[in-house]
Every structure is written in C-alpha cells, then in structure tokens.
C-alpha cells in the first residue's frame, strides 16, 4: 500500500487545535483527510457519529483492543477511551490522501513513535492555562467539574510539548493557521 503522510495535531482541550485542523482540511492543495477516532463517551453538542468520532460502547472498544486493531488508544479521562483504528488510516491512504489527526498528546506521540518517517507531530500551545479555562467555559458543553479535570490535565500535557516535532503558539489564531499550513505544506512536499 502506498503510504501517505501522517499529520498529528495535539494540545490541551481549548488550545485551538480543532479549529486549526479544520482550516487545514479546507486547503485542497494539502490533500488531507481527517482520521476519525473511536470514542466511548457520549456525543457533545452537535457532534455526529461517523464524522467527528465513531461513538462505540466500551465492549466494542475492548474487542478492538483484543484484536489489536488500533494504531493507538488510551483512557484519556476516567472511563472515556479514545483510539485510532488501523483500518481508518489504511482507508485514507488507499484514497491517496494524507491523514490528519486531532488527537490527545499521548496518542499523538504513539503515532509518531510507530511511524517516525511518515509523521509530523505538531503541538498547539495556548497563550496560558487561564485562557484555556476561559475558552472551555465559553463552549458551554461541559460541567465545571469536567472543565477542572481538563485544566488539571493541561498542565501535564503542556510539559510534553518538547517531545513534538514542532510547536505552534496559538496567541493569534490567523497566524497559527498560517504557521500550521506552512509546516504541513513543507512536510508533505518532502
């Protein structure tokens, strides 16, 4: 199978990685397709099964683990498991496209470790933890308890930034989008 490139975007929740990934997907010259992860949690807001995530049960998730069908998987939050199916990456590569991931920090680093030559791992760094908290509250999709969990995890995730190939500082979204575009364009043209 002809392998394309793997473009990993990771960051704490609220850093802007999803907005940046959506921007990159809209750039036809990059030939990208979004890797849809499996998740055991319920959909939030207007998330759609098969578009944003494959929402599956914990029992289904365990079957995929046992059959070694994941490229990576993790319990990101208590009882909330996420993973990338090998078949998802193969499906996108079979179409001759590059795969872009909007994924947690641990999963992103696992993909980089498994496919070091094919992967560009980018960490999106927020202006501050206080700004992250403000953005998460503004979303109005989660309880204060969940937001506090995400903020606690953000401190750990920020410490992993140096393990990524590149760090984009998202102080100004338009500049961060342009930086991401240039990084991806340069990497896929190698």
C-alpha atoms as a PDB file:
ATOM      1  CA  UNK A   1       0.000   0.000   0.000  1.00  0.00           C
ATOM      2  CA  UNK A   2       1.259   3.482  -0.864  1.00  0.00           C
ATOM      3  CA  UNK A   3       1.669   5.330   2.401  1.00  0.00           C
ATOM      4  CA  UNK A   4       0.835   8.989   2.624  1.00  0.00           C
ATOM      5  CA  UNK A   5       1.915  11.327   5.389  1.00  0.00           C
ATOM      6  CA  UNK A   6       0.527  11.434   8.925  1.00  0.00           C
ATOM      7  CA  UNK A   7      -0.074  14.884  10.392  1.00  0.00           C
ATOM      8  CA  UNK A   8      -0.674  14.846  14.124  1.00  0.00           C
ATOM      9  CA  UNK A   9      -2.092  17.902  15.910  1.00  0.00           C
ATOM     10  CA  UNK A  10      -2.187  17.596  19.690  1.00  0.00           C
ATOM     11  CA  UNK A  11      -2.820  20.042  22.515  1.00  0.00           C
ATOM     12  CA  UNK A  12      -4.744  20.514  25.726  1.00  0.00           C
ATOM     13  CA  UNK A  13      -8.502  20.987  25.242  1.00  0.00           C
ATOM     14  CA  UNK A  14      -9.257  24.587  24.304  1.00  0.00           C
ATOM     15  CA  UNK A  15      -5.914  25.297  22.598  1.00  0.00           C
ATOM     16  CA  UNK A  16      -7.450  25.710  19.145  1.00  0.00           C
ATOM     17  CA  UNK A  17      -6.172  22.518  17.536  1.00  0.00           C
ATOM     18  CA  UNK A  18      -9.595  21.539  16.150  1.00  0.00           C
ATOM     19  CA  UNK A  19     -10.041  24.963  14.545  1.00  0.00           C
ATOM     20  CA  UNK A  20      -6.563  24.704  13.013  1.00  0.00           C
ATOM     21  CA  UNK A  21      -7.211  21.154  11.739  1.00  0.00           C
ATOM     22  CA  UNK A  22     -10.499  22.255  10.136  1.00  0.00           C
ATOM     23  CA  UNK A  23      -8.663  25.119   8.434  1.00  0.00           C
ATOM     24  CA  UNK A  24      -6.048  22.722   7.052  1.00  0.00           C
ATOM     25  CA  UNK A  25      -8.711  20.310   5.801  1.00  0.00           C
ATOM     26  CA  UNK A  26     -10.206  23.153   3.744  1.00  0.00           C
ATOM     27  CA  UNK A  27      -6.884  23.642   1.888  1.00  0.00           C
ATOM     28  CA  UNK A  28      -7.322  21.350  -1.132  1.00  0.00           C
ATOM     29  CA  UNK A  29      -3.656  21.550  -2.154  1.00  0.00           C
ATOM     30  CA  UNK A  30      -2.672  19.656   1.025  1.00  0.00           C
ATOM     31  CA  UNK A  31      -4.691  16.544   0.011  1.00  0.00           C
ATOM     32  CA  UNK A  32      -5.773  15.805   3.601  1.00  0.00           C
ATOM     33  CA  UNK A  33      -8.477  13.657   5.102  1.00  0.00           C
ATOM     34  CA  UNK A  34      -9.478  13.634   8.750  1.00  0.00           C
ATOM     35  CA  UNK A  35      -8.836  10.484  10.776  1.00  0.00           C
ATOM     36  CA  UNK A  36     -11.995   9.747  12.732  1.00  0.00           C
ATOM     37  CA  UNK A  37     -11.208   8.332  16.163  1.00  0.00           C
ATOM     38  CA  UNK A  38     -13.324   5.915  18.160  1.00  0.00           C
ATOM     39  CA  UNK A  39     -14.675   7.242  21.467  1.00  0.00           C
ATOM     40  CA  UNK A  40     -16.596   5.574  24.268  1.00  0.00           C
ATOM     41  CA  UNK A  41     -18.141   8.813  25.522  1.00  0.00           C
ATOM     42  CA  UNK A  42     -21.461  10.345  24.521  1.00  0.00           C
ATOM     43  CA  UNK A  43     -21.528  12.947  21.717  1.00  0.00           C
ATOM     44  CA  UNK A  44     -21.191  16.584  22.861  1.00  0.00           C
ATOM     45  CA  UNK A  45     -23.055  19.483  21.315  1.00  0.00           C
ATOM     46  CA  UNK A  46     -23.551  18.905  17.602  1.00  0.00           C
ATOM     47  CA  UNK A  47     -21.007  16.080  17.187  1.00  0.00           C
ATOM     48  CA  UNK A  48     -22.009  13.488  14.607  1.00  0.00           C
ATOM     49  CA  UNK A  49     -21.220   9.762  14.711  1.00  0.00           C
ATOM     50  CA  UNK A  50     -19.014   8.799  11.754  1.00  0.00           C
ATOM     51  CA  UNK A  51     -17.961  12.422  11.160  1.00  0.00           C
ATOM     52  CA  UNK A  52     -16.490  13.713  14.418  1.00  0.00           C
ATOM     53  CA  UNK A  53     -15.972  10.332  16.113  1.00  0.00           C
ATOM     54  CA  UNK A  54     -17.106   6.760  15.849  1.00  0.00           C
ATOM     55  CA  UNK A  55     -19.087   6.596  19.097  1.00  0.00           C
ATOM     56  CA  UNK A  56     -18.893   2.998  20.308  1.00  0.00           C
ATOM     57  CA  UNK A  57     -19.516   1.121  23.536  1.00  0.00           C
ATOM     58  CA  UNK A  58     -16.776   0.108  25.937  1.00  0.00           C
ATOM     59  CA  UNK A  59     -17.490  -3.525  24.993  1.00  0.00           C
ATOM     60  CA  UNK A  60     -16.885  -2.784  21.300  1.00  0.00           C
ATOM     61  CA  UNK A  61     -13.738  -0.853  22.187  1.00  0.00           C
ATOM     62  CA  UNK A  62     -12.390  -3.843  24.193  1.00  0.00           C
ATOM     63  CA  UNK A  63     -12.975  -6.132  21.204  1.00  0.00           C
ATOM     64  CA  UNK A  64     -10.864  -3.823  19.008  1.00  0.00           C
ATOM     65  CA  UNK A  65      -8.098  -3.803  21.649  1.00  0.00           C
ATOM     66  CA  UNK A  66      -8.115  -7.591  21.912  1.00  0.00           C
ATOM     67  CA  UNK A  67      -7.953  -7.942  18.114  1.00  0.00           C
ATOM     68  CA  UNK A  68      -5.056  -5.412  18.010  1.00  0.00           C
ATOM     69  CA  UNK A  69      -6.999  -3.221  15.582  1.00  0.00           C
ATOM     70  CA  UNK A  70      -5.871   0.133  16.988  1.00  0.00           C
ATOM     71  CA  UNK A  71      -2.839   2.159  15.878  1.00  0.00           C
ATOM     72  CA  UNK A  72      -3.119   3.824  19.292  1.00  0.00           C
ATOM     73  CA  UNK A  73      -5.655   4.025  22.102  1.00  0.00           C
ATOM     74  CA  UNK A  74      -5.894   5.482  25.562  1.00  0.00           C
ATOM     75  CA  UNK A  75      -8.149   6.161  28.515  1.00  0.00           C
ATOM     76  CA  UNK A  76      -7.967   9.954  28.108  1.00  0.00           C
ATOM     77  CA  UNK A  77     -10.306  10.686  31.013  1.00  0.00           C
ATOM     78  CA  UNK A  78     -11.769   8.249  33.534  1.00  0.00           C
ATOM     79  CA  UNK A  79     -13.954   5.778  31.587  1.00  0.00           C
ATOM     80  CA  UNK A  80     -13.533   7.778  28.358  1.00  0.00           C
ATOM     81  CA  UNK A  81     -11.486   5.784  25.883  1.00  0.00           C
ATOM     82  CA  UNK A  82     -10.309   7.046  22.520  1.00  0.00           C
ATOM     83  CA  UNK A  83      -8.449   5.220  19.765  1.00  0.00           C
ATOM     84  CA  UNK A  84      -7.458   5.260  16.108  1.00  0.00           C
ATOM     85  CA  UNK A  85      -8.300   2.159  14.119  1.00  0.00           C
ATOM     86  CA  UNK A  86      -5.656   0.837  11.720  1.00  0.00           C
ATOM     87  CA  UNK A  87      -8.450   0.446   9.151  1.00  0.00           C
ATOM     88  CA  UNK A  88      -9.128   4.208   9.323  1.00  0.00           C
ATOM     89  CA  UNK A  89      -5.539   5.080   8.381  1.00  0.00           C
ATOM     90  CA  UNK A  90      -5.496   2.396   5.651  1.00  0.00           C
ATOM     91  CA  UNK A  91      -8.827   3.683   4.253  1.00  0.00           C
ATOM     92  CA  UNK A  92      -7.429   7.198   3.860  1.00  0.00           C
ATOM     93  CA  UNK A  93      -4.089   6.052   2.444  1.00  0.00           C
ATOM     94  CA  UNK A  94      -5.944   3.847  -0.075  1.00  0.00           C
ATOM     95  CA  UNK A  95      -7.572   7.035  -1.395  1.00  0.00           C
ATOM     96  CA  UNK A  96      -4.086   8.511  -1.961  1.00  0.00           C
ATOM     97  CA  UNK A  97      -4.544  11.120   0.766  1.00  0.00           C
ATOM     98  CA  UNK A  98      -2.537  12.298   3.752  1.00  0.00           C
ATOM     99  CA  UNK A  99      -4.041  11.611   7.174  1.00  0.00           C
ATOM    100  CA  UNK A 100      -4.587  14.443   9.644  1.00  0.00           C
ATOM    101  CA  UNK A 101      -5.266  13.746  13.322  1.00  0.00           C
ATOM    102  CA  UNK A 102      -6.835  15.950  16.007  1.00  0.00           C
ATOM    103  CA  UNK A 103      -5.739  13.771  18.889  1.00  0.00           C
ATOM    104  CA  UNK A 104      -4.671  13.757  22.531  1.00  0.00           C
ATOM    105  CA  UNK A 105      -0.998  14.213  23.396  1.00  0.00           C
ATOM    106  CA  UNK A 106      -0.267  10.579  24.324  1.00  0.00           C
ATOM    107  CA  UNK A 107      -1.941   9.216  21.201  1.00  0.00           C
ATOM    108  CA  UNK A 108      -0.112  11.711  19.014  1.00  0.00           C
ATOM    109  CA  UNK A 109       3.256  10.690  20.418  1.00  0.00           C
ATOM    110  CA  UNK A 110       2.399   6.987  19.941  1.00  0.00           C
ATOM    111  CA  UNK A 111       1.659   7.570  16.262  1.00  0.00           C
ATOM    112  CA  UNK A 112       4.949   9.464  15.885  1.00  0.00           C
ATOM    113  CA  UNK A 113       6.786   6.569  17.571  1.00  0.00           C
ATOM    114  CA  UNK A 114       5.153   3.923  15.313  1.00  0.00           C
ATOM    115  CA  UNK A 115       5.566   5.894  12.065  1.00  0.00           C
ATOM    116  CA  UNK A 116       8.567   8.182  12.660  1.00  0.00           C
ATOM    117  CA  UNK A 117       9.350   8.914   8.995  1.00  0.00           C
ATOM    118  CA  UNK A 118       5.759   9.438   7.837  1.00  0.00           C
ATOM    119  CA  UNK A 119       4.653  11.622  10.779  1.00  0.00           C
ATOM    120  CA  UNK A 120       4.818  15.321  11.534  1.00  0.00           C
ATOM    121  CA  UNK A 121       3.766  15.791  15.173  1.00  0.00           C
ATOM    122  CA  UNK A 122       2.647  19.341  15.994  1.00  0.00           C
ATOM    123  CA  UNK A 123       1.824  20.634  19.470  1.00  0.00           C
ATOM    124  CA  UNK A 124      -0.562  23.607  19.627  1.00  0.00           C
ATOM    125  CA  UNK A 125       0.369  25.731  22.616  1.00  0.00           C
ATOM    126  CA  UNK A 126      -2.247  28.049  24.145  1.00  0.00           C
ATOM    127  CA  UNK A 127      -1.440  31.556  25.410  1.00  0.00           C
ATOM    128  CA  UNK A 128      -1.998  30.459  29.035  1.00  0.00           C
ATOM    129  CA  UNK A 129      -3.860  27.993  31.231  1.00  0.00           C
ATOM    130  CA  UNK A 130      -6.206  30.825  32.269  1.00  0.00           C
ATOM    131  CA  UNK A 131      -7.071  31.386  28.602  1.00  0.00           C
ATOM    132  CA  UNK A 132      -7.734  27.645  28.207  1.00  0.00           C
ATOM    133  CA  UNK A 133     -10.170  27.755  31.106  1.00  0.00           C
ATOM    134  CA  UNK A 134     -11.933  30.786  29.651  1.00  0.00           C
ATOM    135  CA  UNK A 135     -12.300  29.065  26.241  1.00  0.00           C
ATOM    136  CA  UNK A 136     -13.631  25.851  27.780  1.00  0.00           C
ATOM    137  CA  UNK A 137     -16.213  27.766  29.822  1.00  0.00           C
ATOM    138  CA  UNK A 138     -17.222  29.731  26.716  1.00  0.00           C
ATOM    139  CA  UNK A 139     -18.003  26.478  24.864  1.00  0.00           C
ATOM    140  CA  UNK A 140     -20.742  25.686  27.422  1.00  0.00           C
ATOM    141  CA  UNK A 141     -20.540  21.974  26.584  1.00  0.00           C
ATOM    142  CA  UNK A 142     -19.244  20.635  29.907  1.00  0.00           C
ATOM    143  CA  UNK A 143     -19.711  20.936  33.641  1.00  0.00           C
ATOM    144  CA  UNK A 144     -17.313  22.906  35.852  1.00  0.00           C
ATOM    145  CA  UNK A 145     -16.075  19.563  37.206  1.00  0.00           C
ATOM    146  CA  UNK A 146     -15.124  18.368  33.690  1.00  0.00           C
ATOM    147  CA  UNK A 147     -13.505  21.707  32.877  1.00  0.00           C
ATOM    148  CA  UNK A 148     -11.410  21.495  36.047  1.00  0.00           C
ATOM    149  CA  UNK A 149     -10.371  17.947  35.051  1.00  0.00           C
ATOM    150  CA  UNK A 150      -9.268  19.234  31.639  1.00  0.00           C
ATOM    151  CA  UNK A 151      -7.311  22.108  33.200  1.00  0.00           C
ATOM    152  CA  UNK A 152      -5.535  19.742  35.602  1.00  0.00           C
ATOM    153  CA  UNK A 153      -4.592  17.533  32.664  1.00  0.00           C
ATOM    154  CA  UNK A 154      -3.444  20.554  30.621  1.00  0.00           C
ATOM    155  CA  UNK A 155      -0.509  21.151  32.966  1.00  0.00           C
ATOM    156  CA  UNK A 156       0.776  17.616  32.278  1.00  0.00           C
ATOM    157  CA  UNK A 157       0.135  17.909  28.532  1.00  0.00           C
ATOM    158  CA  UNK A 158       1.984  21.231  28.258  1.00  0.00           C
ATOM    159  CA  UNK A 159       5.070  19.548  29.693  1.00  0.00           C
ATOM    160  CA  UNK A 160       5.139  17.143  26.695  1.00  0.00           C
ATOM    161  CA  UNK A 161       5.395  19.923  24.082  1.00  0.00           C
ATOM    162  CA  UNK A 162       9.194  19.500  23.605  1.00  0.00           C
ATOM    163  CA  UNK A 163       8.632  15.870  22.506  1.00  0.00           C
ATOM    164  CA  UNK A 164       6.798  17.041  19.374  1.00  0.00           C
ATOM    165  CA  UNK A 165       8.470  17.924  16.065  1.00  0.00           C
ATOM    166  CA  UNK A 166       7.055  21.436  16.043  1.00  0.00           C
ATOM    167  CA  UNK A 167       5.235  23.768  18.425  1.00  0.00           C
ATOM    168  CA  UNK A 168       2.732  26.310  17.167  1.00  0.00           C
ATOM    169  CA  UNK A 169       1.947  29.071  19.640  1.00  0.00           C
ATOM    170  CA  UNK A 170      -1.728  29.953  19.290  1.00  0.00           C
ATOM    171  CA  UNK A 171      -1.700  33.525  20.570  1.00  0.00           C
ATOM    172  CA  UNK A 172      -3.290  34.789  17.342  1.00  0.00           C
ATOM    173  CA  UNK A 173      -5.475  32.250  15.509  1.00  0.00           C
ATOM    174  CA  UNK A 174      -4.853  33.624  11.998  1.00  0.00           C
ATOM    175  CA  UNK A 175      -1.081  33.460  12.488  1.00  0.00           C
ATOM    176  CA  UNK A 176      -1.355  29.947  13.999  1.00  0.00           C
ATOM    177  CA  UNK A 177      -3.393  28.773  10.982  1.00  0.00           C
ATOM    178  CA  UNK A 178      -0.799  30.161   8.563  1.00  0.00           C
ATOM    179  CA  UNK A 179       2.070  28.619  10.550  1.00  0.00           C
ATOM    180  CA  UNK A 180       0.299  25.239  10.519  1.00  0.00           C
ATOM    181  CA  UNK A 181      -0.366  25.468   6.780  1.00  0.00           C
ATOM    182  CA  UNK A 182       3.294  26.199   6.022  1.00  0.00           C
ATOM    183  CA  UNK A 183       4.543  23.374   8.286  1.00  0.00           C
ATOM    184  CA  UNK A 184       2.198  20.836   6.666  1.00  0.00           C
ATOM    185  CA  UNK A 185       2.903  22.025   3.115  1.00  0.00           C
ATOM    186  CA  UNK A 186       6.674  21.778   3.673  1.00  0.00           C
ATOM    187  CA  UNK A 187       6.397  18.323   5.262  1.00  0.00           C
ATOM    188  CA  UNK A 188       4.164  16.721   2.620  1.00  0.00           C
ATOM    189  CA  UNK A 189       6.329  18.056  -0.216  1.00  0.00           C
ATOM    190  CA  UNK A 190       9.402  16.138   1.099  1.00  0.00           C
END
